[in-house]
């Protein structure tokens, strides 16, 4: 049976029209090979799409999307949609016909590309607020109470703790920190997965299924949110313990090949998160093995996005000790991501290379990479941006520029770059703001203005105590040691040293 009207605009079709679309609609979407079309809200009410969403299977959602009558009588080819998603046609075929995807970064990335309404999804997008009872996918509510650290949840997920609202719970900073960590732990226990919690090893099942893989992916998402609220110092051991136990369990358990592929990606992502928390907690020596493991698992899973993320973190980790290798890691990430990297991701990779050149004393190499980074950043954000690049903005570029000038022993230029961050703060990236403010104090000291360095350090002291990042607090401790030298003694420097000593003794 043929349609007598265009499914897109409702216009009458000519008798000899074999495409299923009127001429104006065909002309309006000639660029569909490069990007998904903007579809109406009614598109998502089509029965096959609704059924796939209810089944929580993104591969089936994609297949229902391709075959939707909105696109005409002929379904969108897998090659076209695979191009949108940055994968091959064979990979898309496996996604559509295989087990449900569980890797949250990939789920969120592809859902954003296809513009699936967030309220129709069974998982949260990076910029989406907490679950509510109004969600059409069903499931229970999530609530957390600081007094007894009880987390109640329905069937929706084992680890959807909304730590972003934690600052409104409890009375003081210490209570809020404790709540955030306990909420993450309670989420593990509530899902029945106590074998991942710190403490004596518990008995684990002999088989791994998709539900356990979903747990690992959910744990990564919760650790990221808890890190933003509670800080890496309080979460690093939890992440490392979970990664060790889950990896050991995966090594001796049995699972299908489909589960194994998804498990490799989930474990790679968990390893990267554990490594990042170790870096920010200033336990850098513990981070590298996890990043190497993540790269290996990402290659096994044929997951280039996770591999690039691991290489990006590895480049950051070894920048000071092995700047040449840091350059190679960022270059490898650029090579792997060629063809699908967004401007913001490319910006970040050039920002990984720029300070490595500075550490090597190569001012021209640093300048060249910064020029490339600015050019990419000027291209703006993209709907395909992955969650881990959201911090890349003009302030971050200035911050990396300032650190590079410090490495090149040009503190006056470093002060200019870093001060521009404090005058134009980025509220959504609080930790980076605090970090670069502390580095501004260091640069000001190296420039010779001890009183200004002390004033900056005194102003940022409360924020440093709140974010629980040992990487940041160690730099402030170095400022304190520098300003405490007898030859630097002034009323302002003594005021900061006294305030610092009193704060860290509490």
Protein backbone atom coordinates (compact mmCIF):
# COMPACT_ATOMS: atom_id res chain seq x y z
CA UNK A 1 0.00 0.00 0.00
CA UNK A 2 1.40 3.41 -0.95
CA UNK A 3 1.00 6.72 0.82
CA UNK A 4 -1.01 9.42 -0.91
CA UNK A 5 0.44 12.13 1.33
CA UNK A 6 3.98 13.07 2.30
CA UNK A 7 4.59 11.74 5.84
CA UNK A 8 6.76 14.75 6.63
CA UNK A 9 4.58 17.71 5.65
CA UNK A 10 1.27 16.07 4.79
CA UNK A 11 1.28 17.39 1.23
CA UNK A 12 -0.33 15.45 -1.61
CA UNK A 13 2.02 13.16 -3.54
CA UNK A 14 1.96 12.82 -7.31
CA UNK A 15 0.88 9.46 -8.71
CA UNK A 16 4.33 8.79 -10.12
CA UNK A 17 6.14 9.70 -6.89
CA UNK A 18 8.04 6.60 -5.82
CA UNK A 19 10.11 8.13 -3.05
CA UNK A 20 7.34 8.64 -0.51
CA UNK A 21 8.39 12.28 -0.03
CA UNK A 22 7.25 15.40 -1.83
CA UNK A 23 9.81 17.38 -3.83
CA UNK A 24 10.15 20.27 -1.31
CA UNK A 25 10.78 17.82 1.56
CA UNK A 26 13.34 15.94 -0.49
CA UNK A 27 15.13 19.20 -1.21
CA UNK A 28 14.96 20.24 2.44
CA UNK A 29 16.83 17.13 3.54
CA UNK A 30 19.45 16.62 0.89
CA UNK A 31 22.04 17.03 3.62
CA UNK A 32 20.74 14.07 5.59
CA UNK A 33 23.92 12.15 4.71
CA UNK A 34 25.89 14.45 7.03
CA UNK A 35 23.55 14.91 10.01
CA UNK A 36 20.22 13.62 11.36
CA UNK A 37 17.14 15.63 10.41
CA UNK A 38 15.17 17.65 12.94
CA UNK A 39 12.07 15.53 13.50
CA UNK A 40 8.73 16.61 15.01
CA UNK A 41 7.67 15.57 18.52
CA UNK A 42 5.13 13.14 17.07
CA UNK A 43 8.02 11.18 15.52
CA UNK A 44 8.72 9.55 18.90
CA UNK A 45 5.10 8.43 19.32
CA UNK A 46 5.41 5.94 16.45
CA UNK A 47 4.65 2.48 17.85
CA UNK A 48 7.93 0.72 16.90
CA UNK A 49 9.91 3.60 18.40
CA UNK A 50 7.85 3.58 21.61
CA UNK A 51 8.24 -0.19 21.91
CA UNK A 52 12.02 -0.01 21.47
CA UNK A 53 12.26 2.74 24.09
CA UNK A 54 10.17 0.67 26.50
CA UNK A 55 12.50 -2.28 25.92
CA UNK A 56 15.45 -0.03 26.83
CA UNK A 57 17.40 -1.19 23.79
CA UNK A 58 19.05 1.69 21.94
CA UNK A 59 19.96 -0.53 19.01
CA UNK A 60 16.28 -1.26 18.41
CA UNK A 61 15.52 2.42 18.86
CA UNK A 62 18.00 3.20 16.08
CA UNK A 63 16.47 0.56 13.83
CA UNK A 64 12.95 1.92 14.47
CA UNK A 65 14.34 5.41 13.79
CA UNK A 66 15.79 4.31 10.44
CA UNK A 67 12.57 2.61 9.36
CA UNK A 68 10.23 5.40 10.45
CA UNK A 69 7.76 6.46 7.73
CA UNK A 70 8.87 10.05 8.31
CA UNK A 71 11.92 9.25 6.15
CA UNK A 72 9.80 8.05 3.22
CA UNK A 73 8.98 4.64 1.82
CA UNK A 74 12.63 3.56 1.88
CA UNK A 75 14.32 3.22 5.26
CA UNK A 76 17.48 5.17 5.97
CA UNK A 77 20.48 2.97 5.07
CA UNK A 78 22.61 1.65 7.91
CA UNK A 79 25.64 3.26 6.27
CA UNK A 80 24.07 6.71 6.60
CA UNK A 81 23.11 6.37 10.26
CA UNK A 82 26.41 4.67 11.09
CA UNK A 83 28.17 7.71 9.64
CA UNK A 84 26.20 9.97 11.98
CA UNK A 85 27.22 7.82 14.96
CA UNK A 86 30.88 7.58 13.98
CA UNK A 87 30.91 3.79 13.54
CA UNK A 88 30.92 1.33 10.64
CA UNK A 89 27.86 -0.26 9.05
CA UNK A 90 28.90 -3.64 10.47
CA UNK A 91 29.14 -2.18 13.97
CA UNK A 92 25.69 -0.62 13.65
CA UNK A 93 24.27 -3.96 12.52
CA UNK A 94 25.66 -5.57 15.69
CA UNK A 95 24.23 -2.75 17.81
CA UNK A 96 20.77 -3.13 16.28
CA UNK A 97 20.65 -6.91 16.47
CA UNK A 98 22.80 -7.64 19.51
CA UNK A 99 22.25 -7.24 23.27
CA UNK A 100 21.32 -3.85 24.76
CA UNK A 101 24.11 -1.31 25.03
CA UNK A 102 25.18 -0.56 28.60
CA UNK A 103 28.05 1.90 28.13
CA UNK A 104 26.57 5.16 29.41
CA UNK A 105 28.89 7.49 27.48
CA UNK A 106 27.95 5.79 24.21
CA UNK A 107 24.25 5.66 25.10
CA UNK A 108 24.20 9.37 25.92
CA UNK A 109 26.33 10.33 22.91
CA UNK A 110 24.14 8.52 20.38
CA UNK A 111 20.88 9.61 22.01
CA UNK A 112 22.03 13.23 21.70
CA UNK A 113 23.02 12.75 18.06
CA UNK A 114 19.56 11.40 17.20
CA UNK A 115 17.92 14.03 19.45
CA UNK A 116 15.91 11.47 21.41
CA UNK A 117 13.82 13.45 23.94
CA UNK A 118 15.50 13.09 27.36
CA UNK A 119 12.18 12.34 29.06
CA UNK A 120 11.80 9.23 26.86
CA UNK A 121 15.16 7.75 27.86
CA UNK A 122 15.84 5.24 30.63
CA UNK A 123 19.14 6.91 31.55
CA UNK A 124 20.22 10.45 32.27
CA UNK A 125 22.03 12.66 29.83
CA UNK A 126 25.05 14.60 31.24
CA UNK A 127 23.10 17.88 31.46
CA UNK A 128 19.82 16.32 32.65
CA UNK A 129 18.54 16.75 36.18
CA UNK A 130 17.44 13.94 38.48
CA UNK A 131 14.78 11.35 37.68
CA UNK A 132 11.20 12.16 38.55
CA UNK A 133 7.98 10.20 38.86
CA UNK A 134 6.79 11.88 35.68
CA UNK A 135 9.23 9.93 33.52
CA UNK A 136 7.27 7.81 31.04
CA UNK A 137 9.71 4.93 31.31
CA UNK A 138 8.40 3.97 34.73
CA UNK A 139 10.44 2.94 37.74
CA UNK A 140 10.73 4.24 41.25
CA UNK A 141 11.84 7.47 42.81
CA UNK A 142 15.23 8.21 44.29
CA UNK A 143 15.67 9.95 47.57
CA UNK A 144 18.54 10.35 49.99
CA UNK A 145 18.65 11.53 53.58
CA UNK A 146 21.81 12.77 55.23
CA UNK A 147 20.69 11.75 58.73
CA UNK A 148 20.66 8.00 58.17
CA UNK A 149 22.30 7.75 54.73
CA UNK A 150 19.36 5.71 53.40
CA UNK A 151 18.89 5.67 49.64
CA UNK A 152 15.59 4.35 48.32
CA UNK A 153 15.24 3.45 44.68
CA UNK A 154 12.96 1.63 42.27
CA UNK A 155 13.88 -0.66 39.42
CA UNK A 156 15.25 2.12 37.22
CA UNK A 157 18.93 1.75 38.13
CA UNK A 158 21.17 0.51 40.87
CA UNK A 159 23.25 3.64 41.10
CA UNK A 160 21.32 6.75 40.07
CA UNK A 161 22.21 8.70 43.21
CA UNK A 162 21.55 12.39 42.67
CA UNK A 163 24.61 13.77 44.41
CA UNK A 164 24.27 17.12 42.62
CA UNK A 165 21.53 18.03 45.09
CA UNK A 166 23.62 16.95 48.08
CA UNK A 167 24.74 20.47 49.09
CA UNK A 168 21.15 21.22 50.02
CA UNK A 169 21.13 18.29 52.44
CA UNK A 170 22.48 18.51 55.96
CA UNK A 171 23.89 21.43 57.85
CA UNK A 172 27.59 21.89 57.21
CA UNK A 173 30.31 21.21 54.69
CA UNK A 174 31.52 18.09 56.51
CA UNK A 175 28.00 16.66 56.65
CA UNK A 176 27.50 17.27 52.95
CA UNK A 177 30.78 15.57 52.05
CA UNK A 178 29.91 12.59 54.20
CA UNK A 179 26.47 12.43 52.65
CA UNK A 180 27.83 12.40 49.09
CA UNK A 181 30.19 9.50 49.77
CA UNK A 182 27.63 7.55 51.79
CA UNK A 183 25.02 8.06 49.09
CA UNK A 184 27.31 6.45 46.51
CA UNK A 185 28.01 3.52 48.85
CA UNK A 186 24.34 3.12 49.68
CA UNK A 187 23.56 3.00 45.99
CA UNK A 188 25.82 -0.03 45.59
CA UNK A 189 24.27 -1.78 48.55
CA UNK A 190 20.72 -0.99 47.44
CA UNK A 191 21.37 -2.70 44.12
CA UNK A 192 22.42 -5.89 45.93
CA UNK A 193 26.03 -5.56 44.76
CA UNK A 194 27.79 -5.44 48.12
CA UNK A 195 30.75 -7.34 46.65
CA UNK A 196 31.97 -4.03 45.19
CA UNK A 197 31.95 -2.20 48.51
CA UNK A 198 35.04 -1.65 50.67
CA UNK A 199 35.39 -4.30 53.36
CA UNK A 200 35.72 -8.09 53.47
CA UNK A 201 35.08 -9.73 50.10
CA UNK A 202 31.55 -11.01 49.68
CA UNK A 203 30.32 -14.00 47.72
CA UNK A 204 29.76 -13.14 44.05
CA UNK A 205 27.70 -14.82 41.34
CA UNK A 206 29.48 -17.19 38.99
CA UNK A 207 27.99 -15.59 35.88
CA UNK A 208 28.05 -12.02 34.61
CA UNK A 209 25.07 -10.69 32.71
CA UNK A 210 24.09 -7.35 31.27
CA UNK A 211 22.70 -6.24 34.63
CA UNK A 212 26.17 -6.44 36.19
CA UNK A 213 27.66 -4.58 33.23
CA UNK A 214 25.03 -1.89 33.65
CA UNK A 215 26.12 -1.64 37.29
CA UNK A 216 29.71 -0.86 36.27
CA UNK A 217 28.57 1.83 33.85
CA UNK A 218 26.21 3.31 36.43
CA UNK A 219 28.99 3.30 38.99
CA UNK A 220 31.19 5.39 36.68
CA UNK A 221 28.40 7.94 36.22
CA UNK A 222 27.80 8.14 39.97
CA UNK A 223 31.50 8.50 40.73
CA UNK A 224 31.71 11.44 38.32
CA UNK A 225 28.80 13.21 39.98
CA UNK A 226 30.07 12.43 43.47
CA UNK A 227 33.54 13.67 42.49
CA UNK A 228 32.05 17.01 41.46
CA UNK A 229 30.28 17.30 44.81
CA UNK A 230 32.59 15.54 47.30
CA UNK A 231 36.05 15.62 45.70
CA UNK A 232 38.52 12.97 44.61
CA UNK A 233 40.21 12.61 48.00
CA UNK A 234 37.08 11.02 49.47
CA UNK A 235 36.26 8.81 46.48
CA UNK A 236 39.58 7.55 45.15
CA UNK A 237 39.75 4.44 47.35
CA UNK A 238 36.12 3.58 46.59
CA UNK A 239 36.74 3.72 42.85
CA UNK A 240 39.98 1.72 43.02
CA UNK A 241 38.42 -0.93 45.26
CA UNK A 242 35.42 -1.28 42.95
CA UNK A 243 37.66 -1.53 39.89
CA UNK A 244 39.87 -4.18 41.49
CA UNK A 245 36.95 -6.30 42.65
CA UNK A 246 34.99 -6.04 39.43
CA UNK A 247 38.08 -6.87 37.34
CA UNK A 248 38.91 -9.87 39.54
CA UNK A 249 35.34 -11.09 39.32
CA UNK A 250 35.30 -10.68 35.54
CA UNK A 251 38.52 -12.70 35.28
CA UNK A 252 37.02 -15.79 36.92
CA UNK A 253 33.33 -15.52 36.02
CA UNK A 254 31.65 -16.78 32.87
CA UNK A 255 29.68 -14.69 30.39
CA UNK A 256 28.61 -14.64 26.79
CA UNK A 257 30.63 -13.03 24.03
CA UNK A 258 28.11 -10.19 23.74
CA UNK A 259 28.33 -9.50 27.46
CA UNK A 260 32.13 -9.72 27.25
CA UNK A 261 32.36 -6.94 24.66
CA UNK A 262 30.17 -4.65 26.74
CA UNK A 263 32.07 -5.60 29.89
CA UNK A 264 35.41 -4.59 28.38
CA UNK A 265 34.13 -1.08 27.60
CA UNK A 266 32.57 -0.71 31.04
CA UNK A 267 35.74 -1.85 32.82
CA UNK A 268 37.84 0.47 30.64
CA UNK A 269 35.65 3.41 31.60
CA UNK A 270 35.83 2.47 35.29
CA UNK A 271 39.64 2.23 35.04
CA UNK A 272 39.80 5.72 33.53
CA UNK A 273 37.63 7.13 36.31
CA UNK A 274 39.80 5.45 38.97
CA UNK A 275 42.89 6.90 37.29
CA UNK A 276 41.44 10.41 37.17
CA UNK A 277 40.49 10.28 40.86
CA UNK A 278 44.02 9.10 41.67
CA UNK A 279 45.47 12.01 39.66
CA UNK A 280 43.29 14.58 41.40
CA UNK A 281 43.98 13.00 44.80
CA UNK A 282 47.71 13.44 44.03
CA UNK A 283 48.28 9.67 43.96
CA UNK A 284 49.69 9.81 40.47
CA UNK A 285 51.83 6.69 40.79
CA UNK A 286 48.64 4.65 41.13
CA UNK A 287 46.98 6.05 38.02
CA UNK A 288 49.13 4.84 35.13
CA UNK A 289 48.39 1.08 35.40
CA UNK A 290 44.66 1.82 35.23
CA UNK A 291 45.08 3.92 32.09
CA UNK A 292 47.15 1.22 30.40
CA UNK A 293 44.49 -1.31 31.32
CA UNK A 294 41.79 1.00 29.94
CA UNK A 295 43.60 1.33 26.59
CA UNK A 296 43.92 -2.46 26.31
CA UNK A 297 40.25 -3.06 27.15
CA UNK A 298 39.09 -0.30 24.79
CA UNK A 299 40.97 -1.94 21.93
CA UNK A 300 39.49 -5.34 22.75
CA UNK A 301 36.03 -3.76 22.75
CA UNK A 302 36.73 -1.79 19.54
CA UNK A 303 35.80 1.40 21.41
CA UNK A 304 37.91 4.27 20.03
CA UNK A 305 36.13 6.92 22.11
CA UNK A 306 37.17 5.27 25.38
CA UNK A 307 40.71 4.74 24.04
CA UNK A 308 41.02 8.43 23.18
CA UNK A 309 39.78 9.39 26.62
CA UNK A 310 42.37 7.12 28.24
CA UNK A 311 45.17 8.54 26.11
CA UNK A 312 44.03 12.07 26.96
CA UNK A 313 44.32 11.32 30.70
CA UNK A 314 47.64 9.54 30.22
CA UNK A 315 49.03 12.58 28.41
CA UNK A 316 48.03 14.73 31.40
CA UNK A 317 49.45 12.27 33.93
CA UNK A 318 52.98 12.04 32.49
CA UNK A 319 53.36 15.62 31.25
CA UNK A 320 55.82 16.71 33.93
CA UNK A 321 57.87 13.51 34.17
CA UNK A 322 57.82 12.38 30.54
CA UNK A 323 56.82 15.33 28.34
CA UNK A 324 57.98 13.61 25.16
CA UNK A 325 55.78 10.59 25.78
CA UNK A 326 52.95 12.95 26.75
CA UNK A 327 53.20 14.48 23.28
CA UNK A 328 53.03 11.05 21.68
CA UNK A 329 49.91 10.11 23.67
CA UNK A 330 48.08 13.25 22.55
CA UNK A 331 49.24 12.72 18.97
CA UNK A 332 47.93 9.14 19.05
CA UNK A 333 44.58 10.41 20.34
CA UNK A 334 44.44 12.95 17.50
CA UNK A 335 45.16 10.21 14.99
CA UNK A 336 42.56 7.79 16.39
CA UNK A 337 39.86 10.46 16.57
CA UNK A 338 40.50 11.84 13.07
CA UNK A 339 37.23 11.99 11.19
CA UNK A 340 34.91 12.01 14.19
CA UNK A 341 36.48 14.28 16.81
CA UNK A 342 34.49 17.40 17.63
CA UNK A 343 36.23 20.80 17.75
CA UNK A 344 36.18 20.76 21.54
CA UNK A 345 37.85 17.34 21.73
CA UNK A 346 40.48 18.46 19.23
CA UNK A 347 41.00 21.59 21.32
CA UNK A 348 41.64 19.47 24.40
CA UNK A 349 44.18 17.31 22.61
CA UNK A 350 46.12 20.37 21.43
CA UNK A 351 45.92 21.70 25.00
CA UNK A 352 47.54 18.46 26.15
CA UNK A 353 50.41 18.98 23.71
CA UNK A 354 51.02 22.69 24.37
CA UNK A 355 52.24 22.43 28.02
CA UNK A 356 54.27 19.31 27.18
CA UNK A 357 56.21 21.41 24.67
CA UNK A 358 56.58 24.07 27.38
CA UNK A 359 58.03 21.53 29.83
CA UNK A 360 60.50 20.57 27.10
CA UNK A 361 61.43 24.25 26.78
CA UNK A 362 60.12 24.41 23.20
CA UNK A 363 58.41 27.82 23.08
CA UNK A 364 57.65 27.60 19.36
CA UNK A 365 56.00 24.18 19.75
CA UNK A 366 53.92 25.53 22.63
CA UNK A 367 52.85 28.57 20.60
CA UNK A 368 51.95 26.43 17.60
CA UNK A 369 49.71 24.10 19.63
CA UNK A 370 47.99 27.01 21.39
CA UNK A 371 47.20 28.56 18.00
CA UNK A 372 45.62 25.30 16.86
CA UNK A 373 43.67 25.01 20.11
CA UNK A 374 42.27 28.55 19.75
CA UNK A 375 41.27 27.90 16.17
CA UNK A 376 39.40 24.73 17.14
CA UNK A 377 37.75 26.34 20.17
CA UNK A 378 36.49 29.19 18.00
CA UNK A 379 34.49 26.63 16.02
CA UNK A 380 32.24 26.29 19.05
CA UNK A 381 30.59 23.41 20.86
CA UNK A 382 28.97 20.50 19.04
CA UNK A 383 26.02 18.29 19.84
CA UNK A 384 28.36 15.28 19.58
CA UNK A 385 30.66 16.54 22.36
CA UNK A 386 31.38 13.78 24.86
CA UNK A 387 30.82 14.45 28.54
CA UNK A 388 34.48 14.51 29.48
CA UNK A 389 35.25 17.55 27.27
CA UNK A 390 32.60 19.85 28.70
CA UNK A 391 35.19 21.66 30.83
CA UNK A 392 37.08 22.79 27.72
CA UNK A 393 36.32 26.48 27.32
CA UNK A 394 38.08 29.84 27.05
CA UNK A 395 38.99 29.77 30.76
CA UNK A 396 40.59 26.35 30.43
CA UNK A 397 42.60 27.54 27.45
CA UNK A 398 43.85 30.52 29.44
CA UNK A 399 44.66 28.24 32.37
CA UNK A 400 46.77 25.89 30.25
CA UNK A 401 48.45 28.91 28.70
CA UNK A 402 49.32 30.21 32.17
CA UNK A 403 50.74 26.85 33.32
CA UNK A 404 52.81 26.67 30.17
CA UNK A 405 54.28 30.10 30.75
CA UNK A 406 55.21 28.99 34.28
CA UNK A 407 57.01 25.97 32.79
CA UNK A 408 58.80 28.33 30.38
CA UNK A 409 59.88 30.48 33.36
CA UNK A 410 57.85 33.48 32.24
CA UNK A 411 55.82 34.26 35.38
CA UNK A 412 54.71 37.71 34.17
CA UNK A 413 52.92 36.14 31.18
CA UNK A 414 51.56 33.39 33.42
CA UNK A 415 50.04 36.00 35.74
CA UNK A 416 48.31 37.71 32.81
CA UNK A 417 46.75 34.47 31.58
CA UNK A 418 45.74 33.13 34.99
CA UNK A 419 44.36 36.44 36.23
CA UNK A 420 41.96 36.56 33.29
CA UNK A 421 40.35 33.41 34.71
CA UNK A 422 39.68 34.97 38.11
CA UNK A 423 38.15 38.05 36.50
CA UNK A 424 35.94 35.94 34.19
CA UNK A 425 35.11 32.85 36.27
CA UNK A 426 33.35 29.76 34.95
CA UNK A 427 30.89 28.77 37.73
CA UNK A 428 30.13 25.38 36.22
CA UNK A 429 33.78 24.28 36.56
CA UNK A 430 34.46 25.20 40.15
CA UNK A 431 37.44 22.91 40.76
CA UNK A 432 39.36 24.18 37.74
CA UNK A 433 38.60 27.74 38.80
CA UNK A 434 40.07 27.07 42.25
CA UNK A 435 43.04 25.22 40.82
CA UNK A 436 44.03 28.02 38.47
CA UNK A 437 43.55 30.61 41.22
CA UNK A 438 46.06 28.73 43.38
CA UNK A 439 48.45 28.60 40.42
CA UNK A 440 47.96 32.37 40.00
CA UNK A 441 49.18 32.78 43.56
CA UNK A 442 52.27 30.72 42.65
CA UNK A 443 52.92 32.77 39.53
CA UNK A 444 52.51 36.04 41.43
CA UNK A 445 55.04 34.84 44.01
CA UNK A 446 57.50 33.88 41.27
CA UNK A 447 56.99 37.35 39.79
CA UNK A 448 58.15 38.80 43.12
CA UNK A 449 54.88 40.22 44.55
CA UNK A 450 54.66 38.28 47.83
CA UNK A 451 51.85 40.38 49.29
CA UNK A 452 49.60 39.89 46.26
CA UNK A 453 50.42 36.17 46.27
CA UNK A 454 49.39 35.98 49.93
CA UNK A 455 46.15 37.90 49.31
CA UNK A 456 45.17 35.58 46.47
CA UNK A 457 46.03 32.50 48.52
CA UNK A 458 44.06 33.76 51.53
CA UNK A 459 40.99 34.44 49.40
CA UNK A 460 41.03 30.99 47.80
CA UNK A 461 41.83 29.05 50.99
CA UNK A 462 38.17 28.28 51.95
CA UNK A 463 37.40 26.99 48.46
CA UNK A 464 40.46 24.73 48.45
CA UNK A 465 39.31 23.17 51.73
CA UNK A 466 35.87 22.47 50.26
CA UNK A 467 36.74 20.73 46.99
CA UNK A 468 38.82 17.86 48.47
CA UNK A 469 41.41 17.77 45.70
CA UNK A 470 44.86 16.96 47.02
CA UNK A 471 46.30 17.98 43.67
CA UNK A 472 45.05 21.50 44.39
CA UNK A 473 45.82 21.52 48.11
CA UNK A 474 49.41 20.42 47.47
CA UNK A 475 49.99 23.48 45.31
CA UNK A 476 48.53 25.72 48.02
CA UNK A 477 50.81 24.01 50.55
CA UNK A 478 53.76 24.95 48.35
CA UNK A 479 52.57 28.56 48.34
CA UNK A 480 52.44 28.43 52.14
CA UNK A 481 56.01 27.08 52.33
CA UNK A 482 57.26 29.78 50.00
CA UNK A 483 55.53 32.62 51.87
CA UNK A 484 56.57 31.29 55.30
CA UNK A 485 60.27 31.85 54.58
CA UNK A 486 61.67 34.50 56.97
CA UNK A 487 62.80 36.75 54.14
CA UNK A 488 59.18 36.90 52.86
CA UNK A 489 57.69 37.93 56.20
CA UNK A 490 55.17 40.77 55.94
CA UNK A 491 51.89 41.42 57.69
CA UNK A 492 49.98 39.99 54.73
CA UNK A 493 52.10 36.87 54.32
CA UNK A 494 51.90 36.12 58.06
CA UNK A 495 48.13 36.53 57.92
CA UNK A 496 47.86 33.88 55.21
CA UNK A 497 50.32 31.48 56.86
CA UNK A 498 48.45 31.71 60.18
CA UNK A 499 45.07 31.21 58.50
CA UNK A 500 46.38 28.24 56.52
CA UNK A 501 47.94 26.57 59.56
CA UNK A 502 44.78 27.02 61.58
CA UNK A 503 42.57 25.65 58.79
CA UNK A 504 44.60 22.49 58.12
CA UNK A 505 44.87 21.71 61.83
CA UNK A 506 41.07 21.42 62.23
